[in-house]
Amino acid sequence: MVHKPQIKIPATYMRGGTSKGVFFRLQDLPEAVQKPGPARDALLLRVIGSPDPYQKQIDGMGGATSSTSKMVILSKSTQPDHDVDYMFGQVSIDKPFVDWSGNCGNLSAAVGPFAISNGLVDADRIPQNGVAEVRVWQANIEKTILVRVPITDGAVQETGDFELDGVTFPAAEVPVAFMEPADGEGAIFPTGNVVDELEVPGVGTLTATMLNAGIPTIFVNAWDIGYTGAELQEAINSDPKALAIFETIRAHGALRMGLVPAIAEAANRQHTPKVAFVAPPLDYVTSSGKQLSTNDMDLTVRALSMGKLHHAMMGTAAVAIGTAAAIEGTLVNLAAGGGKRKAVTFGHPSGTLQVGAEASLVDGQWQVDKAIMSRSARVLMEGWVRVPGDAF
């Protein structure tokens, strides 16, 4: 039997925030993969090593977590006043599925540095020294992201002393602004309510804030589902019953938010919505052994991504947290003490993170101009990925 040899494709492996992913220029992909469709998904699945029933992604670039099973495709922007178009794919670990329904806020920080280093930003927009603001069109959700990239001697400055909880080593700070982070029609609250009662069969009726900013997110109170808000990954991810409950909450929230037409469809939309549970500030020890106190934070938040508790916080979920904190009466705002807020520091399993957002009520609807947070990004490897020639 004759087997096709492997092909190689130019690629870069990058960390952005607390995530890692494989980055491609659209023009470097095989012609059959340069447009959305089954061939593209098949190639990306093979690159990352999915689907893998062992859930290890040994035969690919994935790291067997939602934070490390990600793909990014970039090209010069087709949009006015933008530098680069950004497509994000969240790759399922054990299923043959790539979810294109949302963005990755963490990897958004790496988009600017990659775009500059790979010739996707016009040279006249890059200073010899200083900061280059890369105007990113996030094509999945049709939103603008502004990434401020430090430049030294005409090149991206990656090293620095900015520390990000959830990342072991310091690097250069990369501020990221998510412009008008609600959906296209500005409906931050799809149900029209700041707080709803969400009926979840087998769980009960939960008080919930269901919000669409950064990424669709369902917030519930920690104590309503039997938690304190100080839990680390092991407490949730080692409990199949708990994971099933969170998935049931996610599915019914997705239906209530109008993201799926039927409960059964939620399984085909794994990346969105997210589920998070909140609590007031707490004393706890992080996953790295760092002691945190109530003075270090305004509230605690734990969030699930692709069916598992995240080791830190998804960048898009941080945008949702910042937005919800800025709107009086949401569960996030109440957990932080209530009142008007332009920024919030929240505790997560790996430490703390600050995110800022400004919200205003216009003609009866909440609007947010932008949400801002700082991340860091670094190239881990560049060269080629190889896949069997018949993989797509």
Protein backbone atom coordinates (compact mmCIF):
# COMPACT_ATOMS: atom_id res chain seq x y z
CA MET A 1 0.00 0.00 0.00
CA VAL A 2 1.35 3.43 -0.98
CA HIS A 3 1.10 6.22 1.58
CA LYS A 4 1.46 9.90 0.80
CA PRO A 5 4.55 11.49 2.38
CA GLN A 6 4.31 14.23 4.96
CA ILE A 7 4.08 17.83 3.85
CA LYS A 8 5.49 20.77 5.79
CA ILE A 9 3.76 24.08 6.43
CA PRO A 10 5.38 27.26 7.80
CA ALA A 11 4.13 27.81 11.35
CA THR A 12 4.97 29.49 14.64
CA TYR A 13 4.24 28.11 18.10
CA MET A 14 3.44 31.01 20.45
CA ARG A 15 2.37 31.70 23.97
CA GLY A 16 -0.13 34.47 24.45
CA GLY A 17 -1.20 35.20 28.02
CA THR A 18 -1.94 31.86 29.69
CA SER A 19 -2.55 30.02 26.40
CA LYS A 20 -0.43 28.49 23.63
CA GLY A 21 -1.31 27.93 19.99
CA VAL A 22 -0.02 27.23 16.50
CA PHE A 23 0.00 30.37 14.32
CA PHE A 24 -0.21 30.37 10.50
CA ARG A 25 -0.20 33.02 7.83
CA LEU A 26 -3.19 32.34 5.59
CA GLN A 27 -0.98 32.55 2.49
CA ASP A 28 1.26 29.75 3.80
CA LEU A 29 -1.55 27.20 4.11
CA PRO A 30 -2.22 24.68 1.31
CA GLU A 31 -4.63 26.14 -1.24
CA ALA A 32 -7.45 23.77 -0.25
CA VAL A 33 -7.18 25.03 3.33
CA GLN A 34 -7.13 28.76 2.62
CA LYS A 35 -10.91 28.94 2.87
CA PRO A 36 -13.15 27.74 5.71
CA GLY A 37 -14.52 24.23 5.43
CA PRO A 38 -13.94 20.55 6.12
CA ALA A 39 -10.44 20.52 4.57
CA ARG A 40 -9.27 23.35 6.86
CA ASP A 41 -10.71 21.68 9.94
CA ALA A 42 -9.18 18.32 9.02
CA LEU A 43 -5.71 19.84 8.61
CA LEU A 44 -5.87 21.77 11.89
CA LEU A 45 -7.11 18.72 13.76
CA ARG A 46 -4.16 16.71 12.43
CA VAL A 47 -1.67 19.45 13.30
CA ILE A 48 -2.88 19.65 16.89
CA GLY A 49 -3.24 15.87 17.28
CA SER A 50 -7.04 15.50 17.53
CA PRO A 51 -9.28 13.66 17.91
CA ASP A 52 -7.40 11.67 20.51
CA PRO A 53 -9.38 9.13 22.57
CA TYR A 54 -6.45 9.05 25.01
CA GLN A 55 -6.85 12.84 25.46
CA LYS A 56 -3.07 13.42 25.36
CA GLN A 57 -2.55 14.80 21.81
CA ILE A 58 0.76 12.91 21.69
CA ASP A 59 0.77 12.84 17.87
CA GLY A 60 0.40 16.59 17.44
CA MET A 61 1.20 20.05 18.75
CA GLY A 62 -1.58 20.19 21.33
CA GLY A 63 -0.92 20.08 25.05
CA ALA A 64 -4.04 18.14 26.08
CA THR A 65 -5.77 21.13 27.72
CA SER A 66 -8.18 23.73 26.37
CA SER A 67 -5.44 26.35 26.90
CA THR A 68 -3.04 24.54 24.56
CA SER A 69 -5.37 23.15 21.88
CA LYS A 70 -5.68 26.30 19.81
CA MET A 71 -5.02 27.48 16.24
CA VAL A 72 -4.66 30.97 14.77
CA ILE A 73 -4.78 32.02 11.11
CA LEU A 74 -3.71 35.56 10.19
CA SER A 75 -3.67 37.61 7.01
CA LYS A 76 -3.43 41.23 5.94
CA SER A 77 -6.73 42.84 6.75
CA THR A 78 -9.51 43.26 4.24
CA GLN A 79 -11.19 45.76 6.59
CA PRO A 80 -10.65 49.54 6.42
CA ASP A 81 -8.36 50.98 9.11
CA HIS A 82 -7.19 47.55 10.28
CA ASP A 83 -3.82 45.86 9.92
CA VAL A 84 -4.58 42.16 10.23
CA ASP A 85 -7.50 39.72 10.08
CA TYR A 86 -7.48 37.15 12.88
CA MET A 87 -9.28 33.78 12.84
CA PHE A 88 -9.25 31.61 15.95
CA GLY A 89 -10.03 27.90 16.16
CA GLN A 90 -10.58 26.10 19.47
CA VAL A 91 -9.74 22.46 18.74
CA SER A 92 -11.52 19.71 20.64
CA ILE A 93 -9.12 17.24 22.23
CA ASP A 94 -11.13 14.02 21.94
CA LYS A 95 -13.63 14.86 19.19
CA PRO A 96 -13.17 15.70 15.47
CA PHE A 97 -14.33 19.26 15.95
CA VAL A 98 -12.96 22.79 15.58
CA ASP A 99 -15.10 25.49 17.20
CA TRP A 100 -14.98 28.84 15.35
CA SER A 101 -17.75 30.49 17.42
CA GLY A 102 -15.56 32.72 19.60
CA ASN A 103 -12.24 34.38 20.25
CA CYS A 104 -9.25 33.65 22.48
CA GLY A 105 -8.44 36.74 24.52
CA ASN A 106 -5.10 35.36 25.68
CA LEU A 107 -3.81 34.59 22.19
CA SER A 108 -5.07 38.00 21.05
CA ALA A 109 -1.98 39.40 22.77
CA ALA A 110 0.23 37.28 20.51
CA VAL A 111 -1.53 38.35 17.30
CA GLY A 112 0.12 41.79 17.28
CA PRO A 113 3.69 40.52 17.75
CA PHE A 114 3.20 37.76 15.17
CA ALA A 115 1.70 40.17 12.65
CA ILE A 116 4.63 42.57 12.96
CA SER A 117 7.29 39.87 12.81
CA ASN A 118 5.68 38.21 9.79
CA GLY A 119 5.20 41.22 7.54
CA LEU A 120 1.46 41.65 8.03
CA VAL A 121 1.76 45.23 9.34
CA ASP A 122 2.95 48.04 7.06
CA ALA A 123 6.50 49.08 7.92
CA ASP A 124 5.55 52.74 8.27
CA ARG A 125 3.33 51.85 11.24
CA ILE A 126 6.22 50.35 13.22
CA PRO A 127 8.50 52.76 15.12
CA GLN A 128 12.19 52.13 15.53
CA ASN A 129 11.65 52.28 19.28
CA GLY A 130 8.45 52.66 21.25
CA VAL A 131 5.06 51.02 20.87
CA ALA A 132 3.28 49.84 17.72
CA GLU A 133 -0.50 49.71 17.96
CA VAL A 134 -1.72 46.82 15.80
CA ARG A 135 -5.34 47.15 14.68
CA VAL A 136 -6.78 43.64 14.64
CA TRP A 137 -10.03 42.55 13.03
CA GLN A 138 -11.26 39.49 14.97
CA ALA A 139 -13.12 37.75 12.16
CA ASN A 140 -14.86 35.10 14.31
CA ILE A 141 -16.86 37.71 16.22
CA GLU A 142 -16.39 40.70 13.86
CA LYS A 143 -14.83 42.94 16.50
CA THR A 144 -11.82 45.24 16.70
CA ILE A 145 -8.94 44.55 19.07
CA LEU A 146 -6.07 46.99 19.63
CA VAL A 147 -2.79 45.35 20.62
CA ARG A 148 0.04 47.61 21.84
CA VAL A 149 3.33 45.90 21.03
CA PRO A 150 6.65 47.13 22.49
CA ILE A 151 9.33 47.70 19.81
CA THR A 152 13.11 47.89 20.30
CA ASP A 153 15.48 48.57 17.37
CA GLY A 154 12.64 48.01 14.92
CA ALA A 155 11.77 44.53 16.20
CA VAL A 156 9.22 43.12 18.65
CA GLN A 157 10.44 43.28 22.24
CA GLU A 158 9.45 39.98 23.87
CA THR A 159 11.54 39.93 27.04
CA GLY A 160 10.73 42.05 30.07
CA ASP A 161 9.77 42.06 33.73
CA PHE A 162 5.97 41.95 33.45
CA GLU A 163 4.64 39.07 35.55
CA LEU A 164 1.34 37.37 34.78
CA ASP A 165 -0.16 34.91 37.25
CA GLY A 166 -0.50 31.56 35.52
CA VAL A 167 2.72 32.08 33.51
CA THR A 168 5.99 30.97 35.09
CA PHE A 169 8.43 33.50 33.63
CA PRO A 170 8.21 37.29 33.12
CA ALA A 171 8.09 38.91 29.68
CA ALA A 172 7.27 42.22 28.03
CA GLU A 173 3.87 43.70 28.82
CA VAL A 174 1.35 43.76 25.96
CA PRO A 175 -1.79 45.82 26.72
CA VAL A 176 -4.87 44.64 24.80
CA ALA A 177 -8.07 46.66 24.28
CA PHE A 178 -11.26 44.89 23.18
CA MET A 179 -13.41 47.50 21.45
CA GLU A 180 -17.21 47.37 21.87
CA PRO A 181 -16.94 43.84 23.24
CA ALA A 182 -20.66 43.02 23.14
CA ASP A 183 -22.17 41.26 20.14
CA GLY A 184 -22.86 43.01 16.85
CA GLU A 185 -26.14 44.54 18.00
CA GLY A 186 -24.79 45.69 21.34
CA ALA A 187 -26.95 43.26 23.35
CA ILE A 188 -24.72 42.74 26.36
CA PHE A 189 -27.58 40.90 28.06
CA PRO A 190 -29.26 38.56 25.54
CA THR A 191 -32.23 38.00 27.87
CA GLY A 192 -32.62 41.72 28.51
CA ASN A 193 -31.97 41.22 32.22
CA VAL A 194 -28.97 41.88 34.43
CA VAL A 195 -29.96 38.86 36.55
CA ASP A 196 -32.18 35.91 35.63
CA GLU A 197 -33.52 32.78 37.25
CA LEU A 198 -32.13 29.89 35.18
CA GLU A 199 -33.93 26.56 35.50
CA VAL A 200 -31.48 23.66 35.17
CA PRO A 201 -33.03 20.18 35.34
CA GLY A 202 -31.37 18.04 37.99
CA VAL A 203 -29.64 21.07 39.49
CA GLY A 204 -32.40 23.52 40.37
CA THR A 205 -33.20 27.15 39.69
CA LEU A 206 -30.03 29.22 39.77
CA THR A 207 -29.64 32.97 39.96
CA ALA A 208 -27.51 33.83 36.94
CA THR A 209 -26.06 36.73 35.01
CA MET A 210 -25.91 35.78 31.33
CA LEU A 211 -23.74 38.22 29.47
CA ASN A 212 -22.23 38.57 26.00
CA ALA A 213 -19.08 40.68 26.13
CA GLY A 214 -15.70 39.28 25.21
CA ILE A 215 -17.33 35.87 25.05
CA PRO A 216 -20.83 34.69 26.01
CA THR A 217 -20.61 33.77 29.70
CA ILE A 218 -22.99 32.41 32.33
CA PHE A 219 -22.15 33.62 35.84
CA VAL A 220 -23.60 31.88 38.90
CA ASN A 221 -22.93 32.24 42.62
CA ALA A 222 -20.41 29.72 43.98
CA TRP A 223 -22.50 28.88 47.05
CA ASP A 224 -25.58 28.11 44.93
CA ILE A 225 -23.76 25.13 43.40
CA GLY A 226 -21.98 23.97 46.56
CA TYR A 227 -18.60 25.73 46.19
CA THR A 228 -16.72 28.47 48.04
CA GLY A 229 -15.01 30.14 45.05
CA ALA A 230 -11.52 29.18 46.23
CA GLU A 231 -11.43 25.84 44.37
CA LEU A 232 -8.43 24.79 42.28
CA GLN A 233 -8.52 22.58 39.18
CA GLU A 234 -8.32 19.23 40.94
CA ALA A 235 -11.45 19.89 42.99
CA ILE A 236 -13.54 20.23 39.83
CA ASN A 237 -11.75 18.36 37.07
CA SER A 238 -11.41 15.13 39.07
CA ASP A 239 -15.15 15.04 39.73
CA PRO A 240 -17.14 13.67 36.74
CA LYS A 241 -20.44 14.49 38.45
CA ALA A 242 -19.42 18.13 38.89
CA LEU A 243 -18.31 18.41 35.26
CA ALA A 244 -21.64 16.95 34.11
CA ILE A 245 -23.51 19.52 36.22
CA PHE A 246 -21.51 22.39 34.74
CA GLU A 247 -22.17 21.11 31.22
CA THR A 248 -25.90 20.94 31.97
CA ILE A 249 -25.80 24.54 33.25
CA ARG A 250 -23.88 25.56 30.13
CA ALA A 251 -26.34 23.86 27.76
CA HIS A 252 -29.44 25.39 29.36
CA GLY A 253 -27.77 28.78 29.56
CA ALA A 254 -26.86 28.56 25.88
CA LEU A 255 -30.50 27.90 25.04
CA ARG A 256 -31.72 30.76 27.23
CA MET A 257 -29.17 33.12 25.62
CA GLY A 258 -30.34 32.18 22.13
CA LEU A 259 -26.98 30.68 21.17
CA VAL A 260 -28.46 27.30 20.22
CA PRO A 261 -31.93 26.34 18.96
CA ALA A 262 -32.11 23.20 21.10
CA ILE A 263 -30.31 21.73 24.12
CA ALA A 264 -28.76 18.95 22.02
CA GLU A 265 -26.98 21.54 19.86
CA ALA A 266 -24.89 22.82 22.78
CA ALA A 267 -22.58 19.80 22.43
CA ASN A 268 -21.59 21.08 18.98
CA ARG A 269 -20.69 24.50 20.38
CA GLN A 270 -18.11 23.63 23.01
CA HIS A 271 -16.19 26.92 23.06
CA THR A 272 -19.19 29.11 23.89
CA PRO A 273 -20.78 29.97 26.21
CA LYS A 274 -18.47 29.74 29.22
CA VAL A 275 -19.65 28.98 32.74
CA ALA A 276 -18.13 30.82 35.71
CA PHE A 277 -18.89 30.94 39.41
CA VAL A 278 -18.20 33.96 41.61
CA ALA A 279 -17.76 34.75 45.29
CA PRO A 280 -16.60 37.67 47.45
CA PRO A 281 -12.86 37.99 48.24
CA LEU A 282 -11.32 34.97 49.98
CA ASP A 283 -8.09 33.88 51.60
CA TYR A 284 -6.69 30.91 49.66
CA VAL A 285 -3.52 29.32 48.36
CA THR A 286 -3.03 29.35 44.58
CA SER A 287 -1.99 26.39 42.46
CA SER A 288 1.64 27.57 42.68
CA GLY A 289 1.52 27.75 46.49
CA LYS A 290 1.17 31.53 46.74
CA GLN A 291 -0.94 32.77 49.66
CA LEU A 292 -3.60 35.31 48.69
CA SER A 293 -5.72 37.34 51.07
CA THR A 294 -8.95 39.25 50.74
CA ASN A 295 -6.89 42.44 50.40
CA ASP A 296 -5.44 41.17 47.10
CA MET A 297 -8.73 41.09 45.21
CA ASP A 298 -12.24 42.46 44.81
CA LEU A 299 -13.81 39.03 44.23
CA THR A 300 -12.98 35.48 43.20
CA VAL A 301 -13.95 33.87 39.90
CA ARG A 302 -13.54 30.33 38.60
CA ALA A 303 -14.38 29.55 34.97
CA LEU A 304 -14.65 26.44 32.82
CA SER A 305 -13.33 26.11 29.29
CA MET A 306 -14.07 23.18 26.99
CA GLY A 307 -15.59 21.25 29.89
CA LYS A 308 -12.77 21.71 32.43
CA LEU A 309 -11.91 24.29 35.08
CA HIS A 310 -9.32 26.67 33.63
CA HIS A 311 -5.96 26.85 35.39
CA ALA A 312 -6.09 30.66 35.42
CA MET A 313 -8.61 32.71 33.40
CA MET A 314 -9.48 32.86 29.73
CA GLY A 315 -8.78 36.33 28.32
CA THR A 316 -12.23 36.66 26.79
CA ALA A 317 -13.83 35.58 30.07
CA ALA A 318 -11.75 38.28 31.81
CA VAL A 319 -13.38 40.80 29.45
CA ALA A 320 -16.78 39.43 30.46
CA ILE A 321 -15.81 39.73 34.13
CA GLY A 322 -14.65 43.33 33.72
CA THR A 323 -17.80 44.24 31.83
CA ALA A 324 -20.11 42.58 34.35
CA ALA A 325 -18.26 44.20 37.25
CA ALA A 326 -18.86 47.64 35.70
CA ILE A 327 -22.64 47.11 35.57
CA GLU A 328 -24.45 47.49 38.89
CA GLY A 329 -26.57 44.55 39.96
CA THR A 330 -24.83 41.73 38.10
CA LEU A 331 -23.62 38.80 40.18
CA VAL A 332 -20.04 39.81 39.41
CA ASN A 333 -20.66 43.39 40.53
CA LEU A 334 -22.40 42.24 43.71
CA ALA A 335 -19.63 39.77 44.57
CA ALA A 336 -17.15 42.66 44.24
CA GLY A 337 -19.17 44.76 46.70
CA GLY A 338 -21.53 46.53 44.31
CA GLY A 339 -21.49 50.15 43.19
CA LYS A 340 -19.89 51.81 40.18
CA ARG A 341 -16.57 50.33 39.04
CA LYS A 342 -14.16 51.04 36.20
CA ALA A 343 -11.75 48.24 37.05
CA VAL A 344 -11.76 45.07 39.09
CA THR A 345 -9.09 42.69 40.39
CA PHE A 346 -10.29 39.12 40.68
CA GLY A 347 -8.74 36.02 42.17
CA HIS A 348 -8.42 32.90 39.99
CA PRO A 349 -6.74 29.50 40.58
CA SER A 350 -3.27 30.81 39.65
CA GLY A 351 -3.39 34.27 41.24
CA THR A 352 -5.04 37.59 40.43
CA LEU A 353 -5.78 39.66 37.33
CA GLN A 354 -6.98 43.21 36.85
CA VAL A 355 -9.30 44.14 34.01
CA GLY A 356 -10.90 47.50 33.28
CA ALA A 357 -14.16 48.38 31.54
CA GLU A 358 -16.50 51.36 31.37
CA ALA A 359 -20.22 50.80 30.95
CA SER A 360 -23.08 53.23 30.37
CA LEU A 361 -26.83 52.92 30.03
CA VAL A 362 -27.99 54.38 26.69
CA ASP A 363 -31.66 54.33 25.69
CA GLY A 364 -32.31 51.52 28.14
CA GLN A 365 -29.45 49.30 26.95
CA TRP A 366 -26.06 48.80 28.52
CA GLN A 367 -23.08 49.64 26.34
CA VAL A 368 -19.35 49.14 26.84
CA ASP A 369 -16.88 51.09 24.72
CA LYS A 370 -13.87 48.89 25.51
CA ALA A 371 -12.35 46.53 28.01
CA ILE A 372 -8.61 46.62 28.71
CA MET A 373 -6.15 44.20 30.27
CA SER A 374 -2.45 43.44 30.04
CA ARG A 375 -0.97 40.13 28.89
CA SER A 376 2.40 39.05 27.52
CA ALA A 377 3.41 36.99 24.49
CA ARG A 378 6.44 35.11 23.25
CA VAL A 379 7.53 32.99 20.29
CA LEU A 380 8.32 29.48 21.52
CA MET A 381 9.28 27.90 18.19
CA GLU A 382 9.15 28.77 14.51
CA GLY A 383 9.71 26.68 11.43
CA TRP A 384 7.35 24.10 9.91
CA VAL A 385 4.73 21.71 11.14
CA ARG A 386 4.47 18.41 9.30
CA VAL A 387 1.33 16.40 8.59
CA PRO A 388 0.59 13.41 6.34
CA GLY A 389 -0.28 14.59 2.85
CA ASP A 390 -3.65 12.84 2.92
CA ALA A 391 -4.70 14.44 6.24
CA PHE A 392 -7.07 16.94 4.62
